[in-house]
N, C-alpha and C. Protein backbone atom coordinates (compact mmCIF):
# COMPACT_ATOMS: atom_id res chain seq x y z
N PRO A 1 4.76 8.15 0.57
CA PRO A 1 4.00 6.69 0.17
C PRO A 1 4.79 5.72 1.27
N ILE A 2 4.20 5.00 1.56
CA ILE A 2 4.98 3.59 2.49
C ILE A 2 4.74 2.20 2.05
N ASN A 3 5.84 1.70 1.19
CA ASN A 3 5.46 0.10 1.11
C ASN A 3 4.60 -0.51 1.90
N THR A 4 3.95 -1.04 1.39
CA THR A 4 2.54 -2.23 2.11
C THR A 4 3.04 -3.08 2.78
N ARG A 5 4.54 -3.80 2.30
CA ARG A 5 5.02 -5.51 2.86
C ARG A 5 5.73 -4.47 4.26
N PHE A 6 5.97 -3.52 4.69
CA PHE A 6 6.55 -3.09 5.81
C PHE A 6 6.19 -3.98 6.83
N LYS A 7 6.81 -3.97 7.73
CA LYS A 7 5.50 -4.06 8.86
C LYS A 7 6.06 -3.21 10.27
N HIS A 8 5.70 -3.51 11.39
CA HIS A 8 5.40 -2.28 12.04
C HIS A 8 6.47 -1.33 12.56
N GLU A 9 7.87 -2.30 12.67
CA GLU A 9 8.86 -1.99 13.04
C GLU A 9 9.53 -0.79 12.05
N GLU A 10 9.18 -1.27 10.33
CA GLU A 10 9.54 -0.13 9.46
C GLU A 10 8.64 1.13 9.67
N LEU A 11 6.88 0.43 9.56
CA LEU A 11 6.39 1.99 10.23
C LEU A 11 7.17 2.93 10.79
N GLU A 12 7.45 2.46 12.44
CA GLU A 12 7.58 3.39 13.01
C GLU A 12 9.14 3.83 13.28
N TYR A 13 10.07 3.27 12.15
CA TYR A 13 10.79 3.92 11.59
C TYR A 13 11.39 5.22 10.98
N ILE A 14 10.14 5.09 9.65
CA ILE A 14 9.59 5.82 8.98
C ILE A 14 9.04 7.06 9.47
N LEU A 15 8.36 6.89 10.08
CA LEU A 15 7.50 8.23 11.12
C LEU A 15 8.52 8.63 11.47
N ARG A 16 9.27 8.09 12.33
CA ARG A 16 10.41 8.97 13.34
C ARG A 16 11.03 9.59 12.48
N GLN A 17 11.57 8.42 11.62
CA GLN A 17 13.07 9.47 11.05
C GLN A 17 12.29 10.56 9.96
N SER A 18 11.01 10.37 9.57
CA SER A 18 10.96 11.83 8.45
C SER A 18 10.66 12.68 9.49
N ASP A 19 10.14 12.51 11.00
CA ASP A 19 9.42 14.01 11.55
C ASP A 19 7.79 13.91 11.08
N SER A 20 7.54 12.50 10.85
CA SER A 20 5.83 13.07 10.27
C SER A 20 5.23 13.86 11.09
N SER A 21 4.59 14.66 10.32
CA SER A 21 3.12 15.00 11.53
C SER A 21 1.76 14.52 10.80
N ALA A 22 1.34 14.18 10.02
CA ALA A 22 0.53 13.34 9.53
C ALA A 22 0.91 12.49 8.99
N LEU A 23 -0.12 11.24 8.72
CA LEU A 23 -0.48 10.34 8.32
C LEU A 23 -1.66 9.50 7.26
N ILE A 24 -1.59 9.36 6.62
CA ILE A 24 -2.62 8.99 5.45
C ILE A 24 -2.87 7.22 5.77
N LEU A 25 -3.46 6.77 5.69
CA LEU A 25 -3.38 5.53 5.75
C LEU A 25 -4.79 4.80 4.91
N GLN A 26 -4.80 4.00 4.61
CA GLN A 26 -6.07 2.74 4.28
C GLN A 26 -6.17 1.91 5.22
N ASP A 27 -7.10 1.03 5.87
CA ASP A 27 -7.38 0.57 7.13
C ASP A 27 -6.57 -1.16 7.11
N ARG A 28 -6.69 -0.98 6.03
CA ARG A 28 -6.48 -2.54 5.14
C ARG A 28 -6.25 -3.48 4.05
N LEU A 29 -5.47 -3.77 3.52
CA LEU A 29 -5.50 -5.06 2.72
C LEU A 29 -5.64 -6.26 3.01
N PRO A 30 -5.72 -7.17 1.86
CA PRO A 30 -6.48 -8.35 1.75
C PRO A 30 -4.91 -9.53 3.03
N LYS A 31 -3.52 -8.72 2.44
CA LYS A 31 -2.53 -9.66 3.48
C LYS A 31 -1.95 -8.86 4.73
N ALA A 32 -2.78 -7.41 4.60
CA ALA A 32 -2.05 -6.49 5.59
C ALA A 32 -3.17 -5.55 6.28
N ASP A 33 -2.92 -5.57 7.77
CA ASP A 33 -3.79 -4.78 8.37
C ASP A 33 -3.05 -3.78 9.13
N PHE A 34 -3.20 -2.59 8.39
CA PHE A 34 -2.08 -1.41 8.72
C PHE A 34 -2.97 -0.77 10.07
N LEU A 35 -3.70 -0.86 9.76
CA LEU A 35 -4.56 -0.12 11.29
C LEU A 35 -3.61 -0.41 12.38
N ASP A 36 -3.70 -2.39 12.31
CA ASP A 36 -3.11 -2.79 13.51
C ASP A 36 -1.81 -2.47 13.60
N MET A 37 -0.97 -2.57 12.76
CA MET A 37 0.54 -2.00 12.66
C MET A 37 0.49 -0.28 13.33
N LEU A 38 -0.08 0.45 12.81
CA LEU A 38 -0.19 1.88 13.75
C LEU A 38 -0.68 1.86 15.72
N GLU A 39 -1.88 0.39 15.49
CA GLU A 39 -1.85 1.01 16.94
C GLU A 39 -0.55 0.50 17.81
N ARG A 40 0.12 -0.65 17.07
CA ARG A 40 1.46 -1.27 18.15
C ARG A 40 2.42 -0.21 18.17
N VAL A 41 2.62 0.65 17.62
CA VAL A 41 3.35 1.66 17.16
C VAL A 41 2.59 2.68 17.77
N CYS A 42 1.48 3.10 17.61
CA CYS A 42 1.27 4.64 18.52
C CYS A 42 -0.62 3.67 19.43
N PRO A 43 -0.39 3.54 20.40
CA PRO A 43 -1.47 2.92 20.65
C PRO A 43 -2.03 4.18 21.80
N GLU A 44 -2.10 5.35 21.59
CA GLU A 44 -2.31 6.38 21.94
C GLU A 44 -3.16 7.02 21.53
N LEU A 45 -3.33 6.30 19.84
CA LEU A 45 -4.51 7.08 18.89
C LEU A 45 -5.28 7.43 19.49
N PRO A 46 -6.16 6.69 19.68
CA PRO A 46 -7.85 6.17 20.08
C PRO A 46 -8.21 7.29 21.34
N ALA A 47 -7.06 7.56 22.43
CA ALA A 47 -6.98 8.26 23.20
C ALA A 47 -7.55 9.97 23.14
N PHE A 48 -7.39 10.44 21.92
CA PHE A 48 -6.98 11.92 21.60
C PHE A 48 -8.02 11.84 20.37
N PRO A 49 -8.64 13.39 20.75
CA PRO A 49 -9.65 13.74 19.24
C PRO A 49 -8.17 13.99 17.88
N PRO A 50 -9.06 13.58 16.82
CA PRO A 50 -8.34 14.19 15.62
C PRO A 50 -7.29 15.14 15.67
N GLY A 51 -6.50 14.85 14.98
CA GLY A 51 -4.91 16.21 15.08
C GLY A 51 -4.16 16.38 16.14
N ASN A 52 -5.07 16.23 17.49
CA ASN A 52 -4.37 16.18 18.39
C ASN A 52 -3.27 15.16 18.85
N LEU A 53 -3.24 14.33 18.33
CA LEU A 53 -2.27 13.77 18.88
C LEU A 53 -0.96 13.58 19.43
N ARG A 54 -0.70 13.02 20.58
CA ARG A 54 0.37 13.13 21.38
C ARG A 54 1.38 12.17 21.58
N SER A 55 2.31 11.34 21.14
CA SER A 55 2.81 9.83 20.80
C SER A 55 3.86 9.84 21.96
N SER A 56 4.49 9.21 22.61
CA SER A 56 5.66 9.25 23.13
C SER A 56 6.39 8.56 22.00
N ARG A 57 5.86 7.69 21.16
CA ARG A 57 7.23 7.44 20.23
C ARG A 57 7.26 7.45 19.13
N LEU A 58 6.13 8.91 18.76
CA LEU A 58 6.07 9.51 17.42
C LEU A 58 5.72 11.18 17.73
N PRO A 59 6.52 12.00 18.56
CA PRO A 59 6.25 13.22 18.77
C PRO A 59 6.13 13.94 17.64
N ALA A 60 6.35 13.52 16.92
CA ALA A 60 5.77 14.35 15.71
C ALA A 60 4.40 14.56 15.17
N LEU A 61 4.30 13.38 15.49
CA LEU A 61 2.91 12.87 14.75
C LEU A 61 1.55 13.48 15.20
N LYS A 62 0.94 14.57 14.46
CA LYS A 62 -0.13 14.84 15.23
C LYS A 62 -1.42 14.45 14.46
N THR A 63 -1.95 14.00 13.31
CA THR A 63 -2.63 13.78 12.40
C THR A 63 -3.32 12.52 11.89
N VAL A 64 -3.86 11.97 12.04
CA VAL A 64 -3.74 10.59 11.27
C VAL A 64 -5.40 10.12 10.47
N ILE A 65 -4.90 10.21 9.28
CA ILE A 65 -6.23 10.43 8.11
C ILE A 65 -6.42 8.75 8.03
N ALA A 66 -7.63 8.43 7.76
CA ALA A 66 -8.01 6.84 7.91
C ALA A 66 -8.97 6.37 6.61
N VAL A 67 -8.57 6.01 5.78
CA VAL A 67 -9.42 5.50 4.59
C VAL A 67 -10.05 4.38 4.96
N SER A 68 -11.16 4.48 5.36
CA SER A 68 -11.48 3.15 5.66
C SER A 68 -13.32 3.22 6.00
N SER A 69 -14.43 2.30 5.71
CA SER A 69 -15.57 2.25 5.63
C SER A 69 -15.92 2.59 7.34
N ARG A 70 -14.82 2.42 8.22
CA ARG A 70 -15.32 2.60 9.34
C ARG A 70 -15.08 3.42 10.38
N LYS A 71 -15.47 4.03 11.50
CA LYS A 71 -14.83 5.29 12.04
C LYS A 71 -13.45 4.89 12.92
N ILE A 72 -12.51 5.09 12.72
CA ILE A 72 -11.68 4.93 13.42
C ILE A 72 -11.31 6.11 14.68
N PRO A 73 -11.11 5.46 16.31
CA PRO A 73 -11.32 6.51 17.31
C PRO A 73 -9.98 7.34 17.01
N GLY A 74 -9.80 8.53 17.14
CA GLY A 74 -8.49 9.27 17.21
C GLY A 74 -8.16 10.00 15.58
N ALA A 75 -8.99 9.16 14.49
CA ALA A 75 -8.11 9.84 13.49
C ALA A 75 -9.60 10.17 12.73
N TYR A 76 -8.98 11.08 11.18
CA TYR A 76 -10.05 11.90 10.58
C TYR A 76 -10.21 10.91 9.84
N SER A 77 -11.51 10.86 9.15
CA SER A 77 -12.04 10.32 7.83
C SER A 77 -11.72 10.68 6.83
N TYR A 78 -11.26 9.93 5.88
CA TYR A 78 -11.09 10.75 4.16
C TYR A 78 -12.12 11.91 4.17
N GLY A 79 -13.61 11.49 4.08
CA GLY A 79 -14.60 12.47 4.08
C GLY A 79 -14.37 13.93 5.13
N ASP A 80 -13.85 13.34 6.06
CA ASP A 80 -13.83 14.45 7.17
C ASP A 80 -12.60 15.77 6.41
N LEU A 81 -11.38 15.00 5.92
CA LEU A 81 -10.63 16.12 5.18
C LEU A 81 -11.04 16.70 4.03
N PHE A 82 -11.54 15.95 2.98
CA PHE A 82 -12.77 17.01 1.86
C PHE A 82 -13.17 17.86 2.33
N GLN A 83 -13.90 17.43 3.40
CA GLN A 83 -14.56 18.56 4.38
C GLN A 83 -14.45 19.96 4.84
N MET A 84 -13.06 19.56 5.28
CA MET A 84 -12.17 20.73 6.06
C MET A 84 -11.70 21.65 4.66
N GLY A 85 -11.51 21.01 4.05
CA GLY A 85 -10.70 21.48 2.57
C GLY A 85 -11.52 22.28 1.62
N ARG A 86 -12.85 22.20 1.89
CA ARG A 86 -14.10 23.34 1.42
C ARG A 86 -14.28 24.79 1.65
N GLU A 87 -13.90 24.50 3.06
CA GLU A 87 -13.65 25.40 4.09
C GLU A 87 -12.63 26.53 4.34
N ILE A 88 -11.40 25.83 3.19
CA ILE A 88 -10.08 26.75 2.83
C ILE A 88 -9.85 27.41 2.24
N ASP A 89 -9.65 28.66 1.99
CA ASP A 89 -9.40 29.41 0.85
C ASP A 89 -7.94 29.12 0.55
N LEU A 90 -7.86 28.43 -0.31
CA LEU A 90 -6.52 27.82 -1.73
C LEU A 90 -5.45 28.75 -1.88
N LYS A 91 -5.90 30.02 -2.10
CA LYS A 91 -5.23 31.07 -2.80
C LYS A 91 -3.83 31.23 -2.37
N PRO A 92 -3.85 31.39 -0.75
CA PRO A 92 -2.42 31.73 -0.41
C PRO A 92 -1.57 30.44 0.00
N ILE A 93 -2.32 29.52 0.18
CA ILE A 93 -1.87 28.28 -0.50
C ILE A 93 -0.70 27.93 -1.80
N GLU A 94 -1.80 27.96 -2.68
CA GLU A 94 -0.95 28.19 -3.98
C GLU A 94 -0.10 29.00 -4.26
N GLU A 95 -0.13 30.18 -3.86
CA GLU A 95 0.74 31.44 -4.09
C GLU A 95 2.10 30.62 -2.96
N ALA A 96 2.23 30.28 -1.99
CA ALA A 96 3.40 29.25 -1.12
C ALA A 96 4.20 28.49 -1.44
N VAL A 97 3.38 27.86 -2.53
CA VAL A 97 4.08 26.73 -3.22
C VAL A 97 5.05 26.78 -4.19
N ARG A 98 6.29 26.48 -3.66
CA ARG A 98 7.31 26.85 -5.05
C ARG A 98 7.67 25.64 -5.15
N PRO A 99 8.00 25.22 -6.92
CA PRO A 99 8.60 23.93 -7.44
C PRO A 99 9.95 23.18 -6.46
N PRO A 100 10.93 24.08 -6.26
CA PRO A 100 12.34 23.44 -5.92
C PRO A 100 11.62 22.85 -3.87
N GLN A 101 10.48 23.43 -3.35
CA GLN A 101 10.65 22.86 -1.93
C GLN A 101 10.41 21.22 -2.16
N LYS A 102 10.83 20.69 -1.06
CA LYS A 102 10.32 19.20 -0.95
C LYS A 102 9.03 18.71 -0.17
N VAL A 103 8.33 17.99 -1.06
CA VAL A 103 6.80 17.86 -0.97
C VAL A 103 6.79 16.23 -0.15
N SER A 104 7.61 15.22 -0.55
CA SER A 104 7.66 13.97 -0.19
C SER A 104 9.08 13.01 -0.04
N ILE A 105 8.54 11.98 1.11
CA ILE A 105 10.05 11.03 1.02
C ILE A 105 9.62 9.86 0.49
N LEU A 106 10.18 9.58 -0.16
CA LEU A 106 9.91 8.17 -1.08
C LEU A 106 10.85 6.95 -0.35
N TYR A 107 10.30 6.13 0.20
CA TYR A 107 11.50 5.13 0.95
C TYR A 107 12.02 4.28 0.01
N THR A 108 13.57 3.66 0.25
CA THR A 108 13.64 2.28 -0.33
C THR A 108 13.15 1.03 0.07
N SER A 109 13.44 -0.02 -0.20
CA SER A 109 13.04 -1.27 0.39
C SER A 109 13.37 -1.62 1.63
N GLY A 110 14.71 -0.92 1.74
CA GLY A 110 15.46 -1.90 3.05
C GLY A 110 16.22 -2.64 2.99
N SER A 111 16.37 -3.64 1.92
CA SER A 111 16.39 -5.22 1.60
C SER A 111 17.50 -5.28 2.83
N THR A 112 18.67 -4.70 2.51
CA THR A 112 20.00 -5.13 3.46
C THR A 112 20.03 -4.04 4.75
N ALA A 113 19.53 -3.10 5.09
CA ALA A 113 18.90 -2.31 6.29
C ALA A 113 17.67 -1.68 6.10
N PHE A 114 17.62 -1.10 7.67
CA PHE A 114 16.54 -0.18 7.54
C PHE A 114 16.21 1.07 6.29
N PRO A 115 14.93 1.13 6.02
CA PRO A 115 15.08 1.90 4.41
C PRO A 115 15.66 3.31 4.55
N LYS A 116 15.68 3.70 3.33
CA LYS A 116 16.39 4.91 3.25
C LYS A 116 15.85 5.92 2.46
N GLY A 117 15.44 7.40 2.95
CA GLY A 117 14.43 8.40 2.15
C GLY A 117 15.23 8.96 1.45
N VAL A 118 14.60 8.96 0.42
CA VAL A 118 14.69 10.00 -1.04
C VAL A 118 13.76 11.12 -1.01
N MET A 119 14.06 12.41 -0.55
CA MET A 119 13.51 13.57 -0.74
C MET A 119 13.14 14.46 -1.63
N LEU A 120 11.90 14.07 -2.16
CA LEU A 120 11.29 14.68 -4.08
C LEU A 120 10.97 15.82 -3.75
N THR A 121 10.69 16.77 -4.64
CA THR A 121 10.06 18.06 -4.60
C THR A 121 8.91 18.35 -5.63
N HIS A 122 8.31 19.83 -5.75
CA HIS A 122 6.95 19.58 -6.44
C HIS A 122 7.60 19.43 -8.26
N ASN A 123 8.67 20.06 -8.28
CA ASN A 123 9.72 19.40 -9.15
C ASN A 123 9.93 18.17 -9.98
N ASN A 124 9.95 17.31 -8.93
CA ASN A 124 10.14 15.66 -8.86
C ASN A 124 9.60 14.99 -9.50
N ILE A 125 7.69 15.31 -8.59
CA ILE A 125 6.63 15.01 -8.86
C ILE A 125 5.95 15.49 -10.06
N LEU A 126 6.04 16.96 -10.20
CA LEU A 126 5.10 17.08 -11.64
C LEU A 126 5.99 17.09 -12.96
């Protein structure tokens, strides 16, 4: 999860610092245009097919999934994600997941400096 009040500089910092390979984002809220923020940080997004992003500023980021009513070039839609999930055998994935494995990073607000990440495990979340 990323604080919805962050600006594009914080978004870039978090995506770089966490080595995120995928990002799921809502395109906008009433006072925030998240797609615009991502395009500032990753202008290459529309040039690549979904899942094959190559960004100079975010080298680990390969996949963007957009929750949006419109098609976002370079990103999978949320519907695409569900469709791909229907074609996957979940048994091997379920067997590979272990409670102490890290699953998410929650970032602080960064009121005095850049945000700091707290790694959460499956146990922490469940």
